[in-house]
Every structure is written in structure tokens, then in C-alpha cells.
Amino acid sequence: MAQEVTITKEMTFGEVLKKYPHTVKTFFQYGMHCFGCHLAVDETIEQGAMAHGVEVDKLIDDLNKAVASPAEEAAGSSPEEKKTES
């Protein structure tokens, strides 16, 4: 079954964080610590990714994975951590 797309690159940081606050960890993993910036509220995910040199499609994929499995995100388990634990 294909993963449902909940977050899109056209959404703003403000929209995503308000609706899915647990995604902050995913943003941090990409070095995107924009949440104190007044521009981030209205900046799209695509704009922020471009400004930080982040591959937007990969970021969106990981954000949607975080939304699909919030319990894992809340527990601090990322796909990268799972690989190293195996």
C-alpha cells in the first residue's frame, strides 16, 4: 500500500508544525532549526528546504513517514536509528 501524502512542499512550516508538532524532530534531523525565525511561519517547506540545501522530496517523504507513525517519532526512533540498531 502506498504511503498517504499528508504534508506537501507547498505547505508552510507554520501549518505543518501546528497540525503535526511531532514533526519538529524530522526538521531537526535535516538541520532545519527555523522555528524561532519569524519568516518560517509563512515560508513553504520547499522554500525552506531550498534555503538550507535540503532535497525537498526526501524531506517531504520523511515528514509524511513521521505523520504516519507518530508513536515512533515520539519515542525517538528514526529510520536511521533503526538501521544502526539491527
N, C-alpha and C. Protein backbone atom coordinates (compact mmCIF):
# COMPACT_ATOMS: atom_id res chain seq x y z
N MET A 1 0.84 -1.17 0.00
CA MET A 1 0.00 0.00 0.00
C MET A 1 0.89 1.24 0.00
N ALA A 2 0.58 2.21 -0.85
CA ALA A 2 1.37 3.43 -0.94
C ALA A 2 1.12 4.32 0.28
N GLN A 3 2.16 5.02 0.67
CA GLN A 3 2.07 5.92 1.80
C GLN A 3 1.18 7.10 1.45
N GLU A 4 0.28 7.46 2.35
CA GLU A 4 -0.60 8.60 2.13
C GLU A 4 0.20 9.89 2.26
N VAL A 5 -0.03 10.81 1.34
CA VAL A 5 0.65 12.10 1.38
C VAL A 5 -0.21 13.06 2.18
N THR A 6 0.31 13.48 3.30
CA THR A 6 -0.39 14.40 4.19
C THR A 6 0.25 15.77 4.12
N ILE A 7 1.57 15.79 4.08
CA ILE A 7 2.33 17.03 4.03
C ILE A 7 2.85 17.21 2.61
N THR A 8 2.71 18.42 2.08
CA THR A 8 3.22 18.73 0.75
C THR A 8 4.23 19.85 0.84
N LYS A 9 5.04 20.00 -0.20
CA LYS A 9 6.07 21.04 -0.20
C LYS A 9 5.48 22.44 -0.27
N GLU A 10 4.21 22.55 -0.63
CA GLU A 10 3.56 23.86 -0.70
C GLU A 10 3.04 24.33 0.65
N MET A 11 3.01 23.43 1.63
CA MET A 11 2.55 23.80 2.98
C MET A 11 3.62 24.65 3.66
N THR A 12 3.19 25.50 4.58
CA THR A 12 4.14 26.31 5.33
C THR A 12 4.61 25.56 6.58
N PHE A 13 5.75 26.02 7.11
CA PHE A 13 6.24 25.44 8.37
C PHE A 13 5.18 25.60 9.44
N GLY A 14 4.56 26.78 9.48
CA GLY A 14 3.53 27.05 10.47
C GLY A 14 2.39 26.06 10.41
N GLU A 15 1.91 25.76 9.20
CA GLU A 15 0.82 24.79 9.02
C GLU A 15 1.22 23.41 9.53
N VAL A 16 2.40 22.98 9.11
CA VAL A 16 2.85 21.64 9.45
C VAL A 16 3.04 21.50 10.96
N LEU A 17 3.71 22.46 11.56
CA LEU A 17 4.00 22.36 12.99
C LEU A 17 2.75 22.50 13.85
N LYS A 18 1.80 23.28 13.40
CA LYS A 18 0.55 23.41 14.16
C LYS A 18 -0.24 22.11 14.13
N LYS A 19 -0.30 21.48 12.96
CA LYS A 19 -1.08 20.27 12.80
C LYS A 19 -0.34 19.02 13.27
N TYR A 20 0.99 19.01 13.08
CA TYR A 20 1.81 17.84 13.41
C TYR A 20 3.05 18.27 14.19
N PRO A 21 2.89 18.69 15.44
CA PRO A 21 4.04 19.21 16.20
C PRO A 21 5.19 18.22 16.36
N HIS A 22 4.90 16.94 16.32
CA HIS A 22 5.97 15.94 16.49
C HIS A 22 6.93 15.89 15.30
N THR A 23 6.60 16.56 14.19
CA THR A 23 7.49 16.57 13.03
C THR A 23 8.73 17.44 13.26
N VAL A 24 8.74 18.18 14.35
CA VAL A 24 9.90 19.04 14.63
C VAL A 24 11.19 18.23 14.64
N LYS A 25 11.14 17.00 15.13
CA LYS A 25 12.34 16.15 15.17
C LYS A 25 12.86 15.88 13.76
N THR A 26 11.95 15.66 12.82
CA THR A 26 12.37 15.41 11.44
C THR A 26 13.04 16.64 10.86
N PHE A 27 12.47 17.81 11.11
CA PHE A 27 13.10 19.05 10.64
C PHE A 27 14.50 19.19 11.24
N PHE A 28 14.63 18.91 12.53
CA PHE A 28 15.94 18.99 13.19
C PHE A 28 16.94 18.04 12.56
N GLN A 29 16.49 16.84 12.19
CA GLN A 29 17.39 15.86 11.57
C GLN A 29 17.96 16.38 10.25
N TYR A 30 17.25 17.28 9.62
CA TYR A 30 17.70 17.88 8.36
C TYR A 30 18.44 19.19 8.59
N GLY A 31 18.70 19.53 9.84
CA GLY A 31 19.42 20.77 10.14
C GLY A 31 18.56 22.01 9.98
N MET A 32 17.27 21.83 9.99
CA MET A 32 16.35 22.94 9.81
C MET A 32 15.80 23.34 11.18
N HIS A 33 16.44 24.34 11.77
CA HIS A 33 16.08 24.82 13.10
C HIS A 33 15.42 26.19 12.98
N CYS A 34 14.50 26.31 12.06
CA CYS A 34 13.92 27.59 11.65
C CYS A 34 12.81 28.09 12.55
N PHE A 35 12.45 27.38 13.55
CA PHE A 35 11.21 27.67 14.25
C PHE A 35 11.20 28.96 15.03
N GLY A 36 12.35 29.50 15.34
CA GLY A 36 12.41 30.79 16.01
C GLY A 36 12.38 31.95 15.03
N CYS A 37 12.53 31.66 13.77
CA CYS A 37 12.58 32.69 12.73
C CYS A 37 11.16 33.14 12.39
N HIS A 38 10.96 34.44 12.38
CA HIS A 38 9.62 34.96 12.08
C HIS A 38 9.18 34.66 10.64
N LEU A 39 10.12 34.41 9.74
CA LEU A 39 9.77 34.10 8.36
C LEU A 39 9.27 32.67 8.19
N ALA A 40 9.68 31.79 9.08
CA ALA A 40 9.35 30.38 8.93
C ALA A 40 7.85 30.11 9.00
N VAL A 41 7.12 30.93 9.69
CA VAL A 41 5.68 30.71 9.83
C VAL A 41 4.99 30.72 8.47
N ASP A 42 5.40 31.63 7.59
CA ASP A 42 4.78 31.75 6.28
C ASP A 42 5.61 31.16 5.15
N GLU A 43 6.78 30.65 5.46
CA GLU A 43 7.64 30.08 4.43
C GLU A 43 7.20 28.65 4.14
N THR A 44 7.17 28.29 2.84
CA THR A 44 6.80 26.92 2.49
C THR A 44 7.95 25.98 2.80
N ILE A 45 7.61 24.71 2.92
CA ILE A 45 8.62 23.69 3.16
C ILE A 45 9.63 23.70 2.01
N GLU A 46 9.14 23.87 0.79
CA GLU A 46 10.03 23.90 -0.36
C GLU A 46 11.00 25.09 -0.28
N GLN A 47 10.52 26.25 0.08
CA GLN A 47 11.39 27.42 0.19
C GLN A 47 12.46 27.21 1.27
N GLY A 48 12.04 26.68 2.41
CA GLY A 48 12.99 26.42 3.49
C GLY A 48 14.03 25.38 3.11
N ALA A 49 13.57 24.33 2.44
CA ALA A 49 14.50 23.28 2.01
C ALA A 49 15.52 23.84 1.03
N MET A 50 15.06 24.63 0.09
CA MET A 50 15.99 25.23 -0.88
C MET A 50 17.00 26.14 -0.19
N ALA A 51 16.55 26.90 0.78
CA ALA A 51 17.44 27.82 1.51
C ALA A 51 18.50 27.07 2.31
N HIS A 52 18.17 25.85 2.71
CA HIS A 52 19.10 25.06 3.53
C HIS A 52 19.81 23.97 2.74
N GLY A 53 19.60 23.93 1.44
CA GLY A 53 20.26 22.92 0.61
C GLY A 53 19.77 21.51 0.87
N VAL A 54 18.51 21.38 1.23
CA VAL A 54 17.92 20.10 1.56
C VAL A 54 17.10 19.60 0.37
N GLU A 55 17.20 18.31 0.07
CA GLU A 55 16.41 17.70 -1.00
C GLU A 55 14.95 17.64 -0.54
N VAL A 56 14.12 18.48 -1.13
CA VAL A 56 12.75 18.66 -0.66
C VAL A 56 11.92 17.39 -0.74
N ASP A 57 12.06 16.61 -1.79
CA ASP A 57 11.25 15.39 -1.91
C ASP A 57 11.57 14.38 -0.82
N LYS A 58 12.83 14.26 -0.45
CA LYS A 58 13.24 13.35 0.63
C LYS A 58 12.69 13.86 1.97
N LEU A 59 12.79 15.17 2.18
CA LEU A 59 12.25 15.76 3.41
C LEU A 59 10.75 15.50 3.52
N ILE A 60 10.02 15.75 2.45
CA ILE A 60 8.57 15.54 2.45
C ILE A 60 8.25 14.07 2.73
N ASP A 61 8.99 13.18 2.13
CA ASP A 61 8.78 11.75 2.36
C ASP A 61 8.97 11.42 3.84
N ASP A 62 10.05 11.93 4.43
CA ASP A 62 10.32 11.65 5.84
C ASP A 62 9.30 12.31 6.76
N LEU A 63 8.83 13.50 6.40
CA LEU A 63 7.78 14.15 7.21
C LEU A 63 6.50 13.33 7.18
N ASN A 64 6.14 12.82 6.01
CA ASN A 64 4.94 12.00 5.91
C ASN A 64 5.09 10.67 6.64
N LYS A 65 6.29 10.13 6.67
CA LYS A 65 6.53 8.92 7.46
C LYS A 65 6.34 9.23 8.94
N ALA A 66 6.80 10.39 9.36
CA ALA A 66 6.65 10.79 10.76
C ALA A 66 5.17 10.95 11.12
N VAL A 67 4.40 11.50 10.20
CA VAL A 67 2.97 11.67 10.44
C VAL A 67 2.27 10.32 10.49
N ALA A 68 2.71 9.39 9.66
CA ALA A 68 2.09 8.06 9.61
C ALA A 68 2.41 7.23 10.84
N SER A 69 3.52 7.53 11.51
CA SER A 69 3.90 6.75 12.69
C SER A 69 4.35 7.67 13.82
N PRO A 70 3.42 8.48 14.35
CA PRO A 70 3.79 9.43 15.40
C PRO A 70 4.30 8.77 16.68
N ALA A 71 3.88 7.55 16.96
CA ALA A 71 4.36 6.88 18.17
C ALA A 71 5.86 6.62 18.08
N GLU A 72 6.34 6.24 16.90
CA GLU A 72 7.77 6.01 16.72
C GLU A 72 8.54 7.31 16.85
N GLU A 73 8.01 8.38 16.27
CA GLU A 73 8.67 9.68 16.36
C GLU A 73 8.74 10.14 17.80
N ALA A 74 7.64 10.00 18.51
CA ALA A 74 7.59 10.44 19.90
C ALA A 74 8.58 9.65 20.76
N ALA A 75 8.78 8.39 20.40
CA ALA A 75 9.70 7.54 21.15
C ALA A 75 11.15 7.81 20.77
N GLY A 76 11.36 8.62 19.75
CA GLY A 76 12.72 8.95 19.36
C GLY A 76 13.36 7.96 18.43
N SER A 77 12.56 7.15 17.77
CA SER A 77 13.10 6.16 16.86
C SER A 77 12.98 6.64 15.43
N SER A 78 14.10 6.83 14.78
CA SER A 78 14.09 7.26 13.38
C SER A 78 14.52 6.10 12.50
N PRO A 79 14.25 6.18 11.21
CA PRO A 79 14.69 5.11 10.31
C PRO A 79 16.20 4.89 10.37
N GLU A 80 16.97 5.96 10.53
CA GLU A 80 18.43 5.83 10.62
C GLU A 80 18.84 5.08 11.88
N GLU A 81 18.16 5.41 13.01
CA GLU A 81 18.49 4.75 14.26
C GLU A 81 18.15 3.27 14.19
N LYS A 82 17.04 2.93 13.52
CA LYS A 82 16.64 1.53 13.40
C LYS A 82 17.69 0.73 12.64
N LYS A 83 18.27 1.33 11.59
CA LYS A 83 19.29 0.63 10.80
C LYS A 83 20.50 0.29 11.63
N THR A 84 20.91 1.24 12.50
CA THR A 84 22.10 1.01 13.30
C THR A 84 21.85 0.08 14.47
N GLU A 85 20.57 -0.04 14.87
CA GLU A 85 20.25 -0.93 15.97
C GLU A 85 20.22 -2.38 15.55
N SER A 86 19.97 -2.64 14.27
CA SER A 86 19.84 -4.01 13.77
C SER A 86 21.17 -4.73 13.74
